[in-house]
Amino acid sequence: GFQSAQFRELEFKLGLKNPAFLEYHKDIPDASARLKAA
């Protein structure tokens, strides 16, 4: 569950922005793009 991209995206969009979590999705293009945008 640590790999849930949507949960990280929600955190980012609420205001909990930790760039370190991008690392866990770097090999999944769509998730990585959404997280970077958030």
All heavy atoms as atom14 arrays in JSON, in Angstrom:
{
  "sequence": "GFQSAQFRELEFKLGLKNPAFLEYHKDIPDASARLKAA",
  "atom14_mask": [
    [1, 1, 1, 1, 0, 0, 0, 0, 0, 0, 0, 0, 0, 0],
    [1, 1, 1, 1, 1, 1, 1, 1, 1, 1, 1, 0, 0, 0],
    [1, 1, 1, 1, 1, 1, 1, 1, 1, 0, 0, 0, 0, 0],
    [1, 1, 1, 1, 1, 1, 0, 0, 0, 0, 0, 0, 0, 0],
    [1, 1, 1, 1, 1, 0, 0, 0, 0, 0, 0, 0, 0, 0],
    [1, 1, 1, 1, 1, 1, 1, 1, 1, 0, 0, 0, 0, 0],
    [1, 1, 1, 1, 1, 1, 1, 1, 1, 1, 1, 0, 0, 0],
    [1, 1, 1, 1, 1, 1, 1, 1, 1, 1, 1, 0, 0, 0],
    [1, 1, 1, 1, 1, 1, 1, 1, 1, 0, 0, 0, 0, 0],
    [1, 1, 1, 1, 1, 1, 1, 1, 0, 0, 0, 0, 0, 0],
    [1, 1, 1, 1, 1, 1, 1, 1, 1, 0, 0, 0, 0, 0],
    [1, 1, 1, 1, 1, 1, 1, 1, 1, 1, 1, 0, 0, 0],
    [1, 1, 1, 1, 1, 1, 1, 1, 1, 0, 0, 0, 0, 0],
    [1, 1, 1, 1, 1, 1, 1, 1, 0, 0, 0, 0, 0, 0],
    [1, 1, 1, 1, 0, 0, 0, 0, 0, 0, 0, 0, 0, 0],
    [1, 1, 1, 1, 1, 1, 1, 1, 0, 0, 0, 0, 0, 0],
    [1, 1, 1, 1, 1, 1, 1, 1, 1, 0, 0, 0, 0, 0],
    [1, 1, 1, 1, 1, 1, 1, 1, 0, 0, 0, 0, 0, 0],
    [1, 1, 1, 1, 1, 1, 1, 0, 0, 0, 0, 0, 0, 0],
    [1, 1, 1, 1, 1, 0, 0, 0, 0, 0, 0, 0, 0, 0],
    [1, 1, 1, 1, 1, 1, 1, 1, 1, 1, 1, 0, 0, 0],
    [1, 1, 1, 1, 1, 1, 1, 1, 0, 0, 0, 0, 0, 0],
    [1, 1, 1, 1, 1, 1, 1, 1, 1, 0, 0, 0, 0, 0],
    [1, 1, 1, 1, 1, 1, 1, 1, 1, 1, 1, 1, 0, 0],
    [1, 1, 1, 1, 1, 1, 1, 1, 1, 1, 0, 0, 0, 0],
    [1, 1, 1, 1, 1, 1, 1, 1, 1, 0, 0, 0, 0, 0],
    [1, 1, 1, 1, 1, 1, 1, 1, 0, 0, 0, 0, 0, 0],
    [1, 1, 1, 1, 1, 1, 1, 1, 0, 0, 0, 0, 0, 0],
    [1, 1, 1, 1, 1, 1, 1, 0, 0, 0, 0, 0, 0, 0],
    [1, 1, 1, 1, 1, 1, 1, 1, 0, 0, 0, 0, 0, 0],
    [1, 1, 1, 1, 1, 0, 0, 0, 0, 0, 0, 0, 0, 0],
    [1, 1, 1, 1, 1, 1, 0, 0, 0, 0, 0, 0, 0, 0],
    [1, 1, 1, 1, 1, 0, 0, 0, 0, 0, 0, 0, 0, 0],
    [1, 1, 1, 1, 1, 1, 1, 1, 1, 1, 1, 0, 0, 0],
    [1, 1, 1, 1, 1, 1, 1, 1, 0, 0, 0, 0, 0, 0],
    [1, 1, 1, 1, 1, 1, 1, 1, 1, 0, 0, 0, 0, 0],
    [1, 1, 1, 1, 1, 0, 0, 0, 0, 0, 0, 0, 0, 0],
    [1, 1, 1, 1, 1, 0, 0, 0, 0, 0, 0, 0, 0, 0]
  ],
  "atom14_positions": [
    [[0.82, -1.21, 0.0], [0.0, 0.0, 0.0], [0.85, 1.25, 0.0], [0.39, 2.33, -0.42], [0.0, 0.0, 0.0], [0.0, 0.0, 0.0], [0.0, 0.0, 0.0], [0.0, 0.0, 0.0], [0.0, 0.0, 0.0], [0.0, 0.0, 0.0], [0.0, 0.0, 0.0], [0.0, 0.0, 0.0], [0.0, 0.0, 0.0], [0.0, 0.0, 0.0]],
    [[2.09, 1.14, 0.44], [3.04, 2.25, 0.42], [3.22, 2.78, -1.01], [3.6, 3.93, -1.21], [4.38, 1.76, 0.98], [5.39, 2.85, 1.25], [5.3, 3.62, 2.4], [6.44, 3.09, 0.37], [6.23, 4.62, 2.66], [7.36, 4.09, 0.62], [7.26, 4.85, 1.78], [0.0, 0.0, 0.0], [0.0, 0.0, 0.0], [0.0, 0.0, 0.0]],
    [[2.93, 1.93, -1.99], [3.12, 2.28, -3.39], [1.89, 2.97, -4.01], [1.88, 3.23, -5.21], [3.45, 1.02, -4.2], [4.72, 0.32, -3.74], [4.79, -1.14, -4.2], [3.81, -1.71, -4.68], [5.96, -1.74, -4.03], [0.0, 0.0, 0.0], [0.0, 0.0, 0.0], [0.0, 0.0, 0.0], [0.0, 0.0, 0.0], [0.0, 0.0, 0.0]],
    [[0.87, 3.26, -3.23], [-0.33, 3.89, -3.79], [-0.03, 5.3, -4.28], [0.16, 6.22, -3.49], [-1.44, 3.95, -2.73], [-2.53, 4.72, -3.22], [0.0, 0.0, 0.0], [0.0, 0.0, 0.0], [0.0, 0.0, 0.0], [0.0, 0.0, 0.0], [0.0, 0.0, 0.0], [0.0, 0.0, 0.0], [0.0, 0.0, 0.0], [0.0, 0.0, 0.0]],
    [[0.0, 5.45, -5.59], [0.29, 6.77, -6.18], [-0.83, 7.76, -5.88], [-0.58, 8.95, -5.69], [0.49, 6.64, -7.68], [0.0, 0.0, 0.0], [0.0, 0.0, 0.0], [0.0, 0.0, 0.0], [0.0, 0.0, 0.0], [0.0, 0.0, 0.0], [0.0, 0.0, 0.0], [0.0, 0.0, 0.0], [0.0, 0.0, 0.0], [0.0, 0.0, 0.0]],
    [[-2.06, 7.27, -5.84], [-3.19, 8.18, -5.59], [-3.13, 8.75, -4.17], [-3.48, 9.91, -3.95], [-4.51, 7.46, -5.8], [-4.87, 7.24, -7.26], [-6.36, 6.98, -7.44], [-7.04, 7.71, -8.15], [-6.87, 5.94, -6.8], [0.0, 0.0, 0.0], [0.0, 0.0, 0.0], [0.0, 0.0, 0.0], [0.0, 0.0, 0.0], [0.0, 0.0, 0.0]],
    [[-2.7, 7.93, -3.2], [-2.6, 8.45, -1.83], [-1.54, 9.54, -1.75], [-1.75, 10.58, -1.11], [-2.28, 7.32, -0.85], [-2.24, 7.8, 0.58], [-3.41, 8.09, 1.26], [-1.03, 7.98, 1.24], [-3.39, 8.56, 2.57], [-0.99, 8.45, 2.55], [-2.17, 8.73, 3.22], [0.0, 0.0, 0.0], [0.0, 0.0, 0.0], [0.0, 0.0, 0.0]],
    [[-0.4, 9.33, -2.41], [0.64, 10.36, -2.42], [0.16, 11.61, -3.15], [0.44, 12.74, -2.73], [1.91, 9.83, -3.08], [2.57, 8.7, -2.36], [2.87, 9.04, -0.91], [3.32, 7.86, -0.19], [3.33, 7.77, 1.13], [2.91, 8.77, 1.89], [3.76, 6.66, 1.7], [0.0, 0.0, 0.0], [0.0, 0.0, 0.0], [0.0, 0.0, 0.0]],
    [[-0.58, 11.41, -4.22], [-1.1, 12.56, -4.96], [-2.05, 13.36, -4.09], [-2.04, 14.6, -4.08], [-1.81, 12.08, -6.23], [-2.27, 13.22, -7.13], [-2.96, 12.73, -8.4], [-3.06, 11.5, -8.61], [-3.41, 13.6, -9.18], [0.0, 0.0, 0.0], [0.0, 0.0, 0.0], [0.0, 0.0, 0.0], [0.0, 0.0, 0.0], [0.0, 0.0, 0.0]],
    [[-2.88, 12.67, -3.31], [-3.8, 13.37, -2.41], [-3.02, 14.15, -1.36], [-3.34, 15.31, -1.08], [-4.74, 12.37, -1.73], [-5.74, 12.98, -0.75], [-6.73, 13.89, -1.48], [-6.49, 11.9, 0.03], [0.0, 0.0, 0.0], [0.0, 0.0, 0.0], [0.0, 0.0, 0.0], [0.0, 0.0, 0.0], [0.0, 0.0, 0.0], [0.0, 0.0, 0.0]],
    [[-2.0, 13.53, -0.77], [-1.18, 14.24, 0.2], [-0.6, 15.51, -0.42], [-0.63, 16.59, 0.19], [-0.05, 13.36, 0.72], [-0.46, 12.31, 1.73], [0.72, 11.68, 2.43], [1.76, 11.47, 1.76], [0.62, 11.39, 3.63], [0.0, 0.0, 0.0], [0.0, 0.0, 0.0], [0.0, 0.0, 0.0], [0.0, 0.0, 0.0], [0.0, 0.0, 0.0]],
    [[-0.04, 15.38, -1.61], [0.56, 16.54, -2.29], [-0.49, 17.64, -2.5], [-0.23, 18.83, -2.29], [1.14, 16.14, -3.64], [2.42, 15.34, -3.58], [3.0, 14.98, -2.37], [3.05, 14.94, -4.75], [4.18, 14.25, -2.32], [4.23, 14.22, -4.72], [4.79, 13.86, -3.51], [0.0, 0.0, 0.0], [0.0, 0.0, 0.0], [0.0, 0.0, 0.0]],
    [[-1.68, 17.24, -2.94], [-2.71, 18.23, -3.26], [-3.32, 18.87, -2.02], [-3.86, 19.97, -2.09], [-3.8, 17.61, -4.14], [-3.31, 17.36, -5.57], [-4.41, 16.93, -6.51], [-3.89, 16.85, -7.94], [-4.94, 16.55, -8.92], [0.0, 0.0, 0.0], [0.0, 0.0, 0.0], [0.0, 0.0, 0.0], [0.0, 0.0, 0.0], [0.0, 0.0, 0.0]],
    [[-3.22, 18.19, -0.89], [-3.65, 18.81, 0.36], [-2.61, 19.78, 0.87], [-2.94, 20.8, 1.47], [-3.93, 17.74, 1.42], [-5.15, 16.85, 1.19], [-5.26, 15.81, 2.3], [-6.43, 17.69, 1.11], [0.0, 0.0, 0.0], [0.0, 0.0, 0.0], [0.0, 0.0, 0.0], [0.0, 0.0, 0.0], [0.0, 0.0, 0.0], [0.0, 0.0, 0.0]],
    [[-1.34, 19.48, 0.63], [-0.27, 20.36, 1.09], [0.91, 19.65, 1.7], [1.92, 20.28, 2.05], [0.0, 0.0, 0.0], [0.0, 0.0, 0.0], [0.0, 0.0, 0.0], [0.0, 0.0, 0.0], [0.0, 0.0, 0.0], [0.0, 0.0, 0.0], [0.0, 0.0, 0.0], [0.0, 0.0, 0.0], [0.0, 0.0, 0.0], [0.0, 0.0, 0.0]],
    [[0.83, 18.33, 1.84], [1.93, 17.53, 2.37], [2.84, 17.13, 1.2], [2.7, 16.06, 0.62], [1.39, 16.29, 3.08], [0.77, 16.54, 4.45], [-0.09, 15.35, 4.87], [1.85, 16.8, 5.49], [0.0, 0.0, 0.0], [0.0, 0.0, 0.0], [0.0, 0.0, 0.0], [0.0, 0.0, 0.0], [0.0, 0.0, 0.0], [0.0, 0.0, 0.0]],
    [[3.74, 18.02, 0.85], [4.58, 17.82, -0.33], [5.97, 17.34, 0.07], [6.78, 18.12, 0.58], [4.66, 19.11, -1.14], [3.33, 19.53, -1.75], [3.49, 20.74, -2.66], [2.2, 21.08, -3.38], [2.36, 22.2, -4.34], [0.0, 0.0, 0.0], [0.0, 0.0, 0.0], [0.0, 0.0, 0.0], [0.0, 0.0, 0.0], [0.0, 0.0, 0.0]],
    [[6.23, 16.09, -0.18], [7.54, 15.5, 0.09], [8.08, 14.91, -1.21], [7.65, 13.83, -1.62], [7.42, 14.41, 1.17], [8.77, 13.84, 1.55], [9.78, 14.09, 0.89], [8.81, 13.07, 2.63], [0.0, 0.0, 0.0], [0.0, 0.0, 0.0], [0.0, 0.0, 0.0], [0.0, 0.0, 0.0], [0.0, 0.0, 0.0], [0.0, 0.0, 0.0]],
    [[9.02, 15.61, -1.86], [9.53, 15.14, -3.16], [10.15, 13.76, -3.1], [10.26, 13.09, -4.13], [10.6, 16.2, -3.51], [10.26, 17.39, -2.68], [9.65, 16.86, -1.43], [0.0, 0.0, 0.0], [0.0, 0.0, 0.0], [0.0, 0.0, 0.0], [0.0, 0.0, 0.0], [0.0, 0.0, 0.0], [0.0, 0.0, 0.0], [0.0, 0.0, 0.0]],
    [[10.56, 13.31, -1.92], [11.2, 12.0, -1.8], [10.29, 10.88, -2.29], [10.77, 9.85, -2.78], [11.61, 11.75, -0.35], [0.0, 0.0, 0.0], [0.0, 0.0, 0.0], [0.0, 0.0, 0.0], [0.0, 0.0, 0.0], [0.0, 0.0, 0.0], [0.0, 0.0, 0.0], [0.0, 0.0, 0.0], [0.0, 0.0, 0.0], [0.0, 0.0, 0.0]],
    [[8.98, 11.08, -2.19], [8.05, 10.03, -2.59], [7.98, 9.85, -4.11], [7.45, 8.84, -4.59], [6.66, 10.29, -2.02], [6.55, 10.03, -0.55], [6.24, 11.04, 0.34], [6.78, 8.76, -0.05], [6.16, 10.81, 1.7], [6.69, 8.5, 1.32], [6.39, 9.53, 2.2], [0.0, 0.0, 0.0], [0.0, 0.0, 0.0], [0.0, 0.0, 0.0]],
    [[8.53, 10.79, -4.86], [8.56, 10.62, -6.32], [9.41, 9.42, -6.71], [9.16, 8.77, -7.73], [9.14, 11.88, -6.99], [8.33, 13.17, -6.89], [9.1, 14.32, -7.53], [6.97, 13.0, -7.56], [0.0, 0.0, 0.0], [0.0, 0.0, 0.0], [0.0, 0.0, 0.0], [0.0, 0.0, 0.0], [0.0, 0.0, 0.0], [0.0, 0.0, 0.0]],
    [[10.4, 9.12, -5.9], [11.33, 8.04, -6.19], [10.61, 6.69, -6.33], [11.0, 5.86, -7.15], [12.36, 7.95, -5.05], [13.39, 6.85, -5.19], [14.38, 7.08, -6.34], [14.48, 8.23, -6.81], [15.02, 6.1, -6.77], [0.0, 0.0, 0.0], [0.0, 0.0, 0.0], [0.0, 0.0, 0.0], [0.0, 0.0, 0.0], [0.0, 0.0, 0.0]],
    [[9.54, 6.51, -5.56], [8.87, 5.22, -5.55], [8.01, 4.99, -6.8], [7.51, 3.88, -7.01], [8.0, 5.09, -4.3], [8.82, 5.15, -3.03], [8.97, 6.34, -2.33], [9.47, 4.02, -2.55], [9.74, 6.41, -1.17], [10.24, 4.07, -1.39], [10.37, 5.27, -0.71], [11.14, 5.33, 0.43], [0.0, 0.0, 0.0], [0.0, 0.0, 0.0]],
    [[7.85, 6.01, -7.61], [6.99, 5.88, -8.8], [7.71, 6.29, -10.09], [7.07, 6.45, -11.12], [5.73, 6.74, -8.61], [4.97, 6.41, -7.37], [4.1, 5.36, -7.28], [4.99, 6.97, -6.13], [3.6, 5.29, -6.06], [4.13, 6.25, -5.34], [0.0, 0.0, 0.0], [0.0, 0.0, 0.0], [0.0, 0.0, 0.0], [0.0, 0.0, 0.0]],
    [[9.03, 6.43, -10.0], [9.79, 6.95, -11.14], [9.72, 6.04, -12.37], [9.9, 6.5, -13.5], [11.24, 7.18, -10.74], [12.0, 5.91, -10.36], [13.43, 6.22, -9.95], [14.19, 4.94, -9.59], [15.58, 5.24, -9.19], [0.0, 0.0, 0.0], [0.0, 0.0, 0.0], [0.0, 0.0, 0.0], [0.0, 0.0, 0.0], [0.0, 0.0, 0.0]],
    [[9.47, 4.75, -12.15], [9.42, 3.82, -13.28], [8.01, 3.59, -13.81], [7.79, 2.71, -14.64], [10.04, 2.47, -12.85], [11.51, 2.6, -12.48], [12.2, 3.43, -13.11], [11.95, 1.9, -11.55], [0.0, 0.0, 0.0], [0.0, 0.0, 0.0], [0.0, 0.0, 0.0], [0.0, 0.0, 0.0], [0.0, 0.0, 0.0], [0.0, 0.0, 0.0]],
    [[7.05, 4.36, -13.29], [5.66, 4.26, -13.77], [5.3, 5.61, -14.37], [4.93, 6.55, -13.63], [4.71, 3.9, -12.61], [5.22, 2.67, -11.85], [3.29, 3.65, -13.13], [4.45, 2.35, -10.6], [0.0, 0.0, 0.0], [0.0, 0.0, 0.0], [0.0, 0.0, 0.0], [0.0, 0.0, 0.0], [0.0, 0.0, 0.0], [0.0, 0.0, 0.0]],
    [[5.43, 5.78, -15.68], [5.32, 7.11, -16.31], [4.07, 7.9, -15.95], [4.16, 9.08, -15.61], [5.36, 6.78, -17.81], [6.14, 5.51, -17.89], [5.76, 4.73, -16.66], [0.0, 0.0, 0.0], [0.0, 0.0, 0.0], [0.0, 0.0, 0.0], [0.0, 0.0, 0.0], [0.0, 0.0, 0.0], [0.0, 0.0, 0.0], [0.0, 0.0, 0.0]],
    [[2.9, 7.27, -16.0], [1.67, 8.01, -15.73], [1.62, 8.49, -14.28], [1.32, 9.65, -14.0], [0.45, 7.14, -16.04], [-0.86, 7.89, -15.79], [-1.09, 8.92, -16.45], [-1.64, 7.45, -14.92], [0.0, 0.0, 0.0], [0.0, 0.0, 0.0], [0.0, 0.0, 0.0], [0.0, 0.0, 0.0], [0.0, 0.0, 0.0], [0.0, 0.0, 0.0]],
    [[1.93, 7.58, -13.36], [1.92, 7.95, -11.94], [2.96, 9.01, -11.65], [2.7, 9.97, -10.9], [2.17, 6.71, -11.08], [0.0, 0.0, 0.0], [0.0, 0.0, 0.0], [0.0, 0.0, 0.0], [0.0, 0.0, 0.0], [0.0, 0.0, 0.0], [0.0, 0.0, 0.0], [0.0, 0.0, 0.0], [0.0, 0.0, 0.0], [0.0, 0.0, 0.0]],
    [[4.14, 8.86, -12.24], [5.21, 9.84, -12.01], [4.8, 11.22, -12.5], [5.03, 12.23, -11.82], [6.48, 9.37, -12.74], [7.53, 10.28, -12.56], [0.0, 0.0, 0.0], [0.0, 0.0, 0.0], [0.0, 0.0, 0.0], [0.0, 0.0, 0.0], [0.0, 0.0, 0.0], [0.0, 0.0, 0.0], [0.0, 0.0, 0.0], [0.0, 0.0, 0.0]],
    [[4.16, 11.27, -13.67], [3.74, 12.56, -14.24], [2.67, 13.21, -13.36], [2.71, 14.43, -13.12], [3.21, 12.35, -15.65], [0.0, 0.0, 0.0], [0.0, 0.0, 0.0], [0.0, 0.0, 0.0], [0.0, 0.0, 0.0], [0.0, 0.0, 0.0], [0.0, 0.0, 0.0], [0.0, 0.0, 0.0], [0.0, 0.0, 0.0], [0.0, 0.0, 0.0]],
    [[1.74, 12.43, -12.89], [0.67, 12.97, -12.03], [1.23, 13.5, -10.71], [0.83, 14.57, -10.23], [-0.39, 11.91, -11.76], [-1.29, 11.59, -12.95], [-2.31, 10.51, -12.59], [-3.22, 10.96, -11.55], [-4.41, 11.5, -11.77], [-4.82, 11.69, -13.02], [-5.19, 11.87, -10.76], [0.0, 0.0, 0.0], [0.0, 0.0, 0.0], [0.0, 0.0, 0.0]],
    [[2.16, 12.75, -10.14], [2.74, 13.18, -8.87], [3.59, 14.44, -9.04], [3.55, 15.34, -8.19], [3.58, 12.05, -8.27], [2.77, 10.9, -7.67], [3.68, 9.75, -7.26], [1.95, 11.37, -6.48], [0.0, 0.0, 0.0], [0.0, 0.0, 0.0], [0.0, 0.0, 0.0], [0.0, 0.0, 0.0], [0.0, 0.0, 0.0], [0.0, 0.0, 0.0]],
    [[4.34, 14.52, -10.12], [5.13, 15.73, -10.37], [4.22, 16.94, -10.56], [4.51, 18.03, -10.06], [6.01, 15.53, -11.61], [7.21, 14.63, -11.37], [8.05, 14.46, -12.63], [9.24, 13.54, -12.38], [10.02, 13.29, -13.62], [0.0, 0.0, 0.0], [0.0, 0.0, 0.0], [0.0, 0.0, 0.0], [0.0, 0.0, 0.0], [0.0, 0.0, 0.0]],
    [[3.12, 16.74, -11.27], [2.17, 17.84, -11.49], [1.56, 18.28, -10.16], [1.39, 19.48, -9.91], [1.08, 17.4, -12.46], [0.0, 0.0, 0.0], [0.0, 0.0, 0.0], [0.0, 0.0, 0.0], [0.0, 0.0, 0.0], [0.0, 0.0, 0.0], [0.0, 0.0, 0.0], [0.0, 0.0, 0.0], [0.0, 0.0, 0.0], [0.0, 0.0, 0.0]],
    [[1.23, 17.31, -9.3], [0.65, 17.65, -7.99], [1.68, 18.34, -7.1], [1.34, 19.26, -6.35], [0.14, 16.38, -7.32], [0.0, 0.0, 0.0], [0.0, 0.0, 0.0], [0.0, 0.0, 0.0], [0.0, 0.0, 0.0], [0.0, 0.0, 0.0], [0.0, 0.0, 0.0], [0.0, 0.0, 0.0], [0.0, 0.0, 0.0], [0.0, 0.0, 0.0]]
  ]
}
